[in-house]
N, C-alpha and C. Protein backbone atom coordinates (compact mmCIF):
# COMPACT_ATOMS: atom_id res chain seq x y z
N UNK A 1 -7.90 112.53 212.69
CA UNK A 1 -7.85 112.86 214.10
C UNK A 1 -8.08 111.59 214.90
N UNK A 2 -7.12 111.34 215.80
CA UNK A 2 -7.19 110.14 216.62
C UNK A 2 -7.78 110.52 218.00
N UNK A 3 -9.07 110.10 218.22
CA UNK A 3 -9.77 110.44 219.45
C UNK A 3 -9.29 109.60 220.61
N UNK A 4 -8.48 108.62 220.42
CA UNK A 4 -7.98 107.78 221.54
C UNK A 4 -6.68 108.37 222.11
N UNK A 5 -6.12 109.38 221.45
CA UNK A 5 -4.84 109.99 221.85
C UNK A 5 -5.12 110.99 223.02
N UNK A 6 -4.34 110.91 224.09
CA UNK A 6 -4.44 111.87 225.17
C UNK A 6 -4.12 113.28 224.69
N UNK A 7 -3.20 113.40 223.79
CA UNK A 7 -2.83 114.70 223.19
C UNK A 7 -4.02 115.41 222.54
N UNK A 8 -4.87 114.62 221.82
CA UNK A 8 -6.01 115.17 221.18
C UNK A 8 -7.04 115.74 222.17
N UNK A 9 -7.26 114.93 223.25
CA UNK A 9 -8.28 115.35 224.26
C UNK A 9 -7.87 116.62 224.98
N UNK A 10 -6.60 116.86 225.14
CA UNK A 10 -6.16 118.14 225.80
C UNK A 10 -6.71 119.30 225.04
N UNK A 11 -6.58 119.28 223.72
CA UNK A 11 -7.02 120.39 222.88
C UNK A 11 -8.54 120.40 222.73
N UNK A 12 -9.16 119.24 222.75
CA UNK A 12 -10.61 119.19 222.65
C UNK A 12 -11.22 119.87 223.88
N UNK A 13 -10.69 119.53 225.02
CA UNK A 13 -11.27 120.16 226.28
C UNK A 13 -10.99 121.66 226.30
N UNK A 14 -9.87 122.05 225.78
CA UNK A 14 -9.55 123.50 225.77
C UNK A 14 -10.53 124.23 224.81
N UNK A 15 -10.78 123.70 223.68
CA UNK A 15 -11.74 124.29 222.68
C UNK A 15 -13.13 124.28 223.29
N UNK A 16 -13.54 123.16 223.90
CA UNK A 16 -14.88 123.06 224.46
C UNK A 16 -15.04 124.12 225.55
N UNK A 17 -14.05 124.30 226.41
CA UNK A 17 -14.12 125.35 227.46
C UNK A 17 -14.32 126.71 226.85
N UNK A 18 -13.58 127.03 225.82
CA UNK A 18 -13.71 128.35 225.14
C UNK A 18 -15.07 128.51 224.49
N UNK A 19 -15.55 127.50 223.88
CA UNK A 19 -16.86 127.53 223.19
C UNK A 19 -17.96 127.82 224.21
N UNK A 20 -17.94 127.14 225.34
CA UNK A 20 -18.92 127.39 226.36
C UNK A 20 -18.79 128.76 226.98
N UNK A 21 -17.61 129.25 227.17
CA UNK A 21 -17.43 130.57 227.71
C UNK A 21 -17.94 131.64 226.73
N UNK A 22 -17.60 131.54 225.47
CA UNK A 22 -18.05 132.48 224.48
C UNK A 22 -19.58 132.39 224.36
N UNK A 23 -20.12 131.19 224.41
CA UNK A 23 -21.56 130.95 224.32
C UNK A 23 -22.28 131.63 225.48
N UNK A 24 -21.72 131.53 226.65
CA UNK A 24 -22.33 132.19 227.85
C UNK A 24 -22.32 133.68 227.66
N UNK A 25 -21.23 134.26 227.20
CA UNK A 25 -21.15 135.67 227.05
C UNK A 25 -22.07 136.20 225.92
N UNK A 26 -22.28 135.40 224.93
CA UNK A 26 -23.07 135.91 223.79
C UNK A 26 -24.55 135.66 223.88
N UNK A 27 -24.98 134.79 224.80
CA UNK A 27 -26.41 134.47 224.98
C UNK A 27 -26.86 134.99 226.28
N UNK A 28 -27.91 135.82 226.27
CA UNK A 28 -28.48 136.33 227.52
C UNK A 28 -29.07 135.16 228.26
N UNK A 29 -28.73 134.98 229.49
CA UNK A 29 -29.25 133.86 230.27
C UNK A 29 -28.86 133.94 231.69
N UNK A 30 -29.02 132.84 232.36
CA UNK A 30 -28.79 132.80 233.78
C UNK A 30 -27.75 131.73 234.11
N UNK A 31 -26.50 131.96 233.65
CA UNK A 31 -25.41 131.05 234.01
C UNK A 31 -25.73 129.61 233.52
N UNK A 32 -26.24 129.45 232.29
CA UNK A 32 -26.55 128.11 231.81
C UNK A 32 -25.34 127.40 231.27
N UNK A 33 -24.45 128.07 230.54
CA UNK A 33 -23.32 127.43 229.94
C UNK A 33 -22.03 127.46 230.76
N UNK A 34 -22.00 128.32 231.75
CA UNK A 34 -20.81 128.41 232.64
C UNK A 34 -20.50 127.09 233.35
N UNK A 35 -21.50 126.36 233.90
CA UNK A 35 -21.14 125.09 234.55
C UNK A 35 -20.44 124.11 233.58
N UNK A 36 -20.88 124.08 232.33
CA UNK A 36 -20.19 123.16 231.35
C UNK A 36 -18.81 123.65 231.06
N UNK A 37 -18.59 124.93 231.01
CA UNK A 37 -17.21 125.48 230.85
C UNK A 37 -16.34 125.08 232.04
N UNK A 38 -16.89 125.18 233.26
CA UNK A 38 -16.10 124.71 234.46
C UNK A 38 -15.74 123.29 234.38
N UNK A 39 -16.72 122.44 234.03
CA UNK A 39 -16.47 121.01 233.86
C UNK A 39 -15.42 120.71 232.78
N UNK A 40 -15.52 121.41 231.67
CA UNK A 40 -14.54 121.21 230.55
C UNK A 40 -13.17 121.69 230.97
N UNK A 41 -13.13 122.76 231.79
CA UNK A 41 -11.84 123.28 232.23
C UNK A 41 -11.18 122.25 233.18
N UNK A 42 -11.95 121.67 234.11
CA UNK A 42 -11.42 120.63 234.97
C UNK A 42 -10.92 119.43 234.18
N UNK A 43 -11.70 119.03 233.18
CA UNK A 43 -11.26 117.91 232.35
C UNK A 43 -9.98 118.27 231.56
N UNK A 44 -9.95 119.49 231.07
CA UNK A 44 -8.76 119.90 230.34
C UNK A 44 -7.51 119.91 231.21
N UNK A 45 -7.66 120.45 232.42
CA UNK A 45 -6.47 120.48 233.35
C UNK A 45 -6.00 119.07 233.64
N UNK A 46 -6.97 118.16 233.85
CA UNK A 46 -6.61 116.77 234.11
C UNK A 46 -5.97 116.10 232.90
N UNK A 47 -6.42 116.50 231.68
CA UNK A 47 -5.82 115.93 230.48
C UNK A 47 -4.40 116.39 230.28
N UNK A 48 -4.12 117.66 230.59
CA UNK A 48 -2.74 118.15 230.53
C UNK A 48 -1.87 117.58 231.63
N UNK A 49 -2.49 117.12 232.71
CA UNK A 49 -1.75 116.42 233.80
C UNK A 49 -1.54 114.95 233.51
N UNK A 50 -2.12 114.45 232.42
CA UNK A 50 -1.88 113.03 231.99
C UNK A 50 -2.94 112.09 232.53
N UNK A 51 -4.10 112.50 233.00
CA UNK A 51 -5.12 111.65 233.52
C UNK A 51 -5.73 110.79 232.40
N UNK A 52 -6.24 109.60 232.76
CA UNK A 52 -6.91 108.76 231.74
C UNK A 52 -8.21 109.37 231.30
N UNK A 53 -8.64 109.07 230.09
CA UNK A 53 -9.83 109.65 229.51
C UNK A 53 -11.10 109.42 230.34
N UNK A 54 -11.32 108.25 230.96
CA UNK A 54 -12.57 108.10 231.80
C UNK A 54 -12.55 109.05 232.99
N UNK A 55 -11.38 109.35 233.57
CA UNK A 55 -11.28 110.26 234.68
C UNK A 55 -11.57 111.69 234.19
N UNK A 56 -11.12 112.04 232.98
CA UNK A 56 -11.40 113.36 232.44
C UNK A 56 -12.95 113.52 232.25
N UNK A 57 -13.60 112.52 231.72
CA UNK A 57 -15.05 112.62 231.54
C UNK A 57 -15.77 112.66 232.90
N UNK A 58 -15.31 111.92 233.85
CA UNK A 58 -15.88 111.98 235.22
C UNK A 58 -15.71 113.40 235.81
N UNK A 59 -14.56 113.95 235.62
CA UNK A 59 -14.34 115.35 236.17
C UNK A 59 -15.20 116.33 235.43
N UNK A 60 -15.39 116.15 234.08
CA UNK A 60 -16.25 117.04 233.33
C UNK A 60 -17.69 116.93 233.88
N UNK A 61 -18.20 115.73 234.05
CA UNK A 61 -19.57 115.58 234.53
C UNK A 61 -19.72 116.10 235.96
N UNK A 62 -18.82 115.73 236.85
CA UNK A 62 -18.90 116.17 238.24
C UNK A 62 -18.74 117.67 238.40
N UNK A 63 -17.79 118.25 237.68
CA UNK A 63 -17.62 119.71 237.68
C UNK A 63 -18.80 120.45 237.15
N UNK A 64 -19.39 119.92 236.08
CA UNK A 64 -20.56 120.58 235.52
C UNK A 64 -21.75 120.56 236.47
N UNK A 65 -22.00 119.36 237.05
CA UNK A 65 -23.14 119.23 237.95
C UNK A 65 -22.89 120.06 239.22
N UNK A 66 -21.75 119.99 239.81
CA UNK A 66 -21.51 120.73 241.07
C UNK A 66 -21.55 122.25 240.82
N UNK A 67 -20.97 122.75 239.71
CA UNK A 67 -21.02 124.15 239.48
C UNK A 67 -22.42 124.64 239.10
N UNK A 68 -23.16 123.77 238.45
CA UNK A 68 -24.57 124.10 238.10
C UNK A 68 -25.34 124.23 239.43
N UNK A 69 -25.18 123.28 240.34
CA UNK A 69 -25.86 123.35 241.63
C UNK A 69 -25.42 124.57 242.45
N UNK A 70 -24.18 125.00 242.35
CA UNK A 70 -23.66 126.12 243.10
C UNK A 70 -24.17 127.49 242.53
N UNK A 71 -24.28 127.58 241.17
CA UNK A 71 -24.69 128.79 240.54
C UNK A 71 -26.19 128.96 240.46
N UNK A 72 -26.96 127.90 240.54
CA UNK A 72 -28.41 128.07 240.42
C UNK A 72 -29.06 129.00 241.39
N UNK A 73 -28.71 128.92 242.68
CA UNK A 73 -29.30 129.93 243.63
C UNK A 73 -28.94 131.37 243.26
N UNK A 74 -27.72 131.63 242.87
CA UNK A 74 -27.30 132.98 242.46
C UNK A 74 -28.10 133.40 241.24
N UNK A 75 -28.31 132.49 240.28
CA UNK A 75 -29.07 132.85 239.12
C UNK A 75 -30.51 133.23 239.50
N UNK A 76 -31.11 132.50 240.43
CA UNK A 76 -32.47 132.82 240.88
C UNK A 76 -32.58 134.21 241.52
N UNK A 77 -31.57 134.53 242.35
CA UNK A 77 -31.56 135.87 242.95
C UNK A 77 -31.39 136.97 241.99
N UNK A 78 -30.58 136.79 240.98
CA UNK A 78 -30.36 137.80 239.97
C UNK A 78 -31.62 137.98 239.12
N UNK A 79 -32.33 136.89 238.85
CA UNK A 79 -33.53 136.95 238.07
C UNK A 79 -34.62 137.73 238.81
N UNK A 80 -34.71 137.57 240.10
CA UNK A 80 -35.70 138.32 240.90
C UNK A 80 -35.42 139.83 240.91
N UNK A 81 -34.15 140.20 240.85
CA UNK A 81 -33.77 141.61 240.89
C UNK A 81 -33.95 142.29 239.54
N UNK A 82 -34.06 141.53 238.47
CA UNK A 82 -34.19 142.10 237.13
C UNK A 82 -35.60 142.70 236.98
N UNK A 83 -35.73 143.91 236.58
CA UNK A 83 -37.07 144.53 236.40
C UNK A 83 -37.79 143.85 235.27
N UNK A 84 -39.08 143.81 235.33
CA UNK A 84 -39.88 143.28 234.26
C UNK A 84 -39.75 144.10 233.02
N UNK A 85 -39.88 143.43 231.91
CA UNK A 85 -39.75 144.13 230.64
C UNK A 85 -40.89 145.11 230.46
N UNK A 86 -40.60 146.32 230.15
CA UNK A 86 -41.59 147.32 229.95
C UNK A 86 -41.61 147.73 228.48
N UNK A 87 -42.14 146.89 227.67
CA UNK A 87 -42.24 147.15 226.20
C UNK A 87 -43.69 147.22 225.82
N UNK A 88 -43.98 147.87 224.76
CA UNK A 88 -45.31 148.00 224.24
C UNK A 88 -46.20 148.66 225.29
N UNK A 89 -47.45 148.21 225.39
CA UNK A 89 -48.37 148.78 226.30
C UNK A 89 -48.01 148.56 227.73
N UNK A 90 -47.19 147.53 228.05
CA UNK A 90 -46.78 147.27 229.44
C UNK A 90 -45.96 148.39 230.01
N UNK A 91 -45.47 149.28 229.19
CA UNK A 91 -44.69 150.38 229.75
C UNK A 91 -45.53 151.30 230.62
N UNK A 92 -46.84 151.23 230.48
CA UNK A 92 -47.74 152.12 231.32
C UNK A 92 -47.98 151.58 232.70
N UNK A 93 -47.69 150.29 232.97
CA UNK A 93 -47.93 149.72 234.30
C UNK A 93 -47.09 150.51 235.34
N UNK A 94 -47.77 150.90 236.39
CA UNK A 94 -47.09 151.67 237.43
C UNK A 94 -47.06 153.18 237.17
N UNK A 95 -47.64 153.64 236.14
CA UNK A 95 -47.67 155.05 235.79
C UNK A 95 -48.95 155.71 236.22
N UNK A 96 -48.92 157.00 236.53
CA UNK A 96 -50.13 157.71 236.89
C UNK A 96 -50.78 158.35 235.63
N UNK A 97 -52.11 158.34 235.64
CA UNK A 97 -52.84 158.95 234.54
C UNK A 97 -53.95 159.85 235.08
N UNK A 98 -54.55 160.59 234.15
CA UNK A 98 -55.61 161.55 234.50
C UNK A 98 -56.92 161.06 233.86
N UNK A 99 -57.99 161.00 234.62
CA UNK A 99 -59.24 160.47 234.10
C UNK A 99 -59.98 161.57 233.30
N UNK A 100 -60.23 161.33 232.02
CA UNK A 100 -60.91 162.28 231.17
C UNK A 100 -62.44 162.15 231.23
N UNK A 101 -62.92 160.93 231.15
CA UNK A 101 -64.34 160.67 231.28
C UNK A 101 -64.56 159.65 232.37
N UNK A 102 -65.68 159.76 233.05
CA UNK A 102 -65.97 158.89 234.20
C UNK A 102 -65.77 157.46 233.85
N UNK A 103 -65.20 156.69 234.78
CA UNK A 103 -65.10 155.26 234.64
C UNK A 103 -66.15 154.62 235.51
N UNK A 104 -67.24 154.08 234.89
CA UNK A 104 -68.33 153.55 235.68
C UNK A 104 -67.87 152.26 236.37
N UNK A 105 -68.48 151.99 237.51
CA UNK A 105 -68.17 150.72 238.19
C UNK A 105 -68.79 149.55 237.47
N UNK A 106 -68.38 148.38 237.76
CA UNK A 106 -68.99 147.17 237.18
C UNK A 106 -68.04 146.56 236.17
N UNK A 107 -68.42 145.40 235.74
CA UNK A 107 -67.55 144.60 234.82
C UNK A 107 -67.57 145.20 233.41
N UNK A 108 -66.46 145.34 232.84
CA UNK A 108 -66.25 145.77 231.44
C UNK A 108 -66.82 147.14 231.13
N UNK A 109 -66.92 148.01 232.16
CA UNK A 109 -67.35 149.39 231.93
C UNK A 109 -66.11 150.21 231.82
N UNK A 110 -65.97 150.97 230.72
CA UNK A 110 -64.76 151.72 230.56
C UNK A 110 -65.01 153.21 230.44
N UNK A 111 -64.00 153.96 230.85
CA UNK A 111 -63.95 155.42 230.65
C UNK A 111 -62.71 155.67 229.88
N UNK A 112 -62.28 156.94 229.89
CA UNK A 112 -61.04 157.30 229.14
C UNK A 112 -60.11 157.96 230.07
N UNK A 113 -58.80 157.67 229.92
CA UNK A 113 -57.74 158.31 230.72
C UNK A 113 -56.70 158.82 229.78
N UNK A 114 -55.89 159.75 230.30
CA UNK A 114 -54.73 160.28 229.49
C UNK A 114 -53.47 159.91 230.24
N UNK A 115 -52.54 159.35 229.47
CA UNK A 115 -51.20 159.05 229.94
C UNK A 115 -50.25 159.76 228.98
N UNK A 116 -49.50 160.70 229.48
CA UNK A 116 -48.64 161.56 228.61
C UNK A 116 -49.52 162.16 227.55
N UNK A 117 -49.29 161.82 226.28
CA UNK A 117 -50.08 162.37 225.22
C UNK A 117 -51.09 161.41 224.65
N UNK A 118 -51.17 160.25 225.21
CA UNK A 118 -52.06 159.21 224.70
C UNK A 118 -53.34 159.10 225.52
N UNK A 119 -54.42 158.76 224.87
CA UNK A 119 -55.68 158.44 225.51
C UNK A 119 -55.92 156.97 225.41
N UNK A 120 -56.40 156.41 226.55
CA UNK A 120 -56.65 154.98 226.59
C UNK A 120 -58.03 154.71 227.22
N UNK A 121 -58.64 153.60 226.83
CA UNK A 121 -59.83 153.13 227.56
C UNK A 121 -59.35 152.51 228.83
N UNK A 122 -60.11 152.73 229.91
CA UNK A 122 -59.69 152.21 231.18
C UNK A 122 -60.91 151.69 231.98
N UNK A 123 -60.65 150.72 232.83
CA UNK A 123 -61.65 150.23 233.75
C UNK A 123 -61.08 150.20 235.14
N UNK A 124 -62.01 150.21 236.11
CA UNK A 124 -61.58 150.26 237.50
C UNK A 124 -61.19 148.87 237.97
N UNK A 125 -60.07 148.85 238.72
CA UNK A 125 -59.54 147.63 239.30
C UNK A 125 -60.52 147.06 240.36
N UNK A 126 -61.07 147.94 241.16
CA UNK A 126 -61.89 147.54 242.28
C UNK A 126 -63.34 147.38 241.89
N UNK A 127 -63.75 147.88 240.71
CA UNK A 127 -65.14 147.83 240.31
C UNK A 127 -65.95 149.06 240.80
N UNK A 128 -65.32 149.95 241.51
CA UNK A 128 -65.96 151.19 241.97
C UNK A 128 -65.81 152.22 240.91
N UNK A 129 -66.79 153.10 240.79
CA UNK A 129 -66.73 154.18 239.79
C UNK A 129 -65.58 155.13 240.16
N UNK A 130 -64.99 155.75 239.08
CA UNK A 130 -63.96 156.74 239.27
C UNK A 130 -64.37 157.95 238.44
N UNK A 131 -64.40 159.13 239.10
CA UNK A 131 -64.92 160.32 238.46
C UNK A 131 -63.81 160.98 237.59
N UNK A 132 -64.28 161.69 236.56
CA UNK A 132 -63.41 162.46 235.69
C UNK A 132 -62.65 163.49 236.55
N UNK A 133 -61.40 163.70 236.17
CA UNK A 133 -60.56 164.62 236.93
C UNK A 133 -59.70 163.90 238.00
N UNK A 134 -59.95 162.67 238.26
CA UNK A 134 -59.19 161.94 239.27
C UNK A 134 -57.85 161.50 238.70
N UNK A 135 -56.96 161.21 239.65
CA UNK A 135 -55.64 160.68 239.25
C UNK A 135 -55.69 159.21 239.59
N UNK A 136 -55.26 158.38 238.61
CA UNK A 136 -55.27 156.93 238.78
C UNK A 136 -53.88 156.32 238.52
N UNK A 137 -53.71 155.11 239.00
CA UNK A 137 -52.46 154.38 238.81
C UNK A 137 -52.80 153.16 237.98
N UNK A 138 -52.02 152.93 236.92
CA UNK A 138 -52.25 151.79 236.02
C UNK A 138 -51.70 150.55 236.71
N UNK A 139 -52.54 149.57 236.93
CA UNK A 139 -52.09 148.35 237.58
C UNK A 139 -51.81 147.21 236.58
N UNK A 140 -52.44 147.19 235.46
CA UNK A 140 -52.12 146.21 234.44
C UNK A 140 -52.73 146.60 233.11
N UNK A 141 -52.37 145.94 232.06
CA UNK A 141 -52.91 146.15 230.73
C UNK A 141 -53.72 144.88 230.43
N UNK A 142 -54.95 145.08 230.01
CA UNK A 142 -55.83 143.95 229.69
C UNK A 142 -56.34 144.15 228.24
N UNK A 143 -55.63 143.62 227.26
CA UNK A 143 -55.96 143.75 225.90
C UNK A 143 -55.71 145.19 225.47
N UNK A 144 -56.79 145.91 225.05
CA UNK A 144 -56.61 147.30 224.54
C UNK A 144 -57.08 148.29 225.64
N UNK A 145 -57.27 147.85 226.82
CA UNK A 145 -57.65 148.79 227.90
C UNK A 145 -56.77 148.60 229.09
N UNK A 146 -56.68 149.71 229.86
CA UNK A 146 -55.86 149.70 231.08
C UNK A 146 -56.76 149.46 232.27
N UNK A 147 -56.22 148.74 233.24
CA UNK A 147 -56.95 148.52 234.48
C UNK A 147 -56.30 149.44 235.51
N UNK A 148 -57.09 150.32 236.11
CA UNK A 148 -56.54 151.39 236.95
C UNK A 148 -57.14 151.33 238.33
N UNK A 149 -56.41 151.97 239.26
CA UNK A 149 -57.00 152.19 240.59
C UNK A 149 -56.86 153.63 241.01
N UNK A 150 -57.81 154.05 241.77
CA UNK A 150 -57.90 155.50 242.17
C UNK A 150 -56.78 155.89 243.08
N UNK A 151 -56.14 156.97 242.79
CA UNK A 151 -55.10 157.57 243.68
C UNK A 151 -55.68 158.80 244.42
N UNK A 152 -56.20 159.75 243.65
CA UNK A 152 -56.73 160.99 244.22
C UNK A 152 -58.06 161.35 243.59
N UNK A 153 -58.98 161.77 244.45
CA UNK A 153 -60.31 162.27 243.97
C UNK A 153 -60.06 163.60 243.34
N UNK A 154 -60.95 164.01 242.39
CA UNK A 154 -60.85 165.32 241.81
C UNK A 154 -61.17 166.40 242.86
N UNK A 155 -60.55 167.53 242.74
CA UNK A 155 -60.84 168.63 243.62
C UNK A 155 -62.20 169.18 243.21
N UNK A 156 -63.06 169.37 244.19
CA UNK A 156 -64.34 169.96 243.88
C UNK A 156 -64.20 171.44 243.91
N UNK A 157 -64.56 172.08 242.86
CA UNK A 157 -64.46 173.57 242.80
C UNK A 157 -65.63 174.19 243.61
N UNK A 158 -65.36 175.25 244.34
CA UNK A 158 -66.44 175.88 245.08
C UNK A 158 -67.48 176.51 244.10
N UNK A 159 -68.70 176.28 244.47
CA UNK A 159 -69.76 176.90 243.66
C UNK A 159 -70.01 178.33 244.01
N UNK A 160 -70.45 179.11 243.08
CA UNK A 160 -70.68 180.49 243.30
C UNK A 160 -71.86 180.68 244.28
N UNK A 161 -71.70 181.59 245.22
CA UNK A 161 -72.76 181.88 246.17
C UNK A 161 -73.75 182.86 245.59
N UNK A 162 -74.99 182.55 245.85
CA UNK A 162 -76.04 183.49 245.41
C UNK A 162 -76.12 184.57 246.45
N UNK A 163 -76.01 185.85 246.01
CA UNK A 163 -76.06 186.98 246.95
C UNK A 163 -77.37 187.60 247.00
């Protein structure tokens, strides 16, 4: 293969463009390979037009840098709109639970809550005690316990009147 031949570089740029496009489609990311595909496409078009090799490389570099700069803000906006991964215990964040045993206030004091069919150790986000029967919102997962904040106080049942 003669790398000094303009005919060879036409096909090299075409293959490189396709490799970057396929790579972008097969790898989850934020438009990382697309700018290189754009640069390779520009270089390939110039190679088919008969441009000298240094100009082709210049177009590849300039096209890659400019398209990267143009797509970076879009990539940032799309990343902000993507919801956080909710796998493992993190799936409970933002969910409501029911307090089974009192959660005492203070550091590292835990009670128990129920989320769906599971029971978890839980501590108060604010450090204030939370009574059994309350509804709480899970704010984060801290190791093997959930950190919760109070949503609703338990309903107090009326006591029987002595007659």
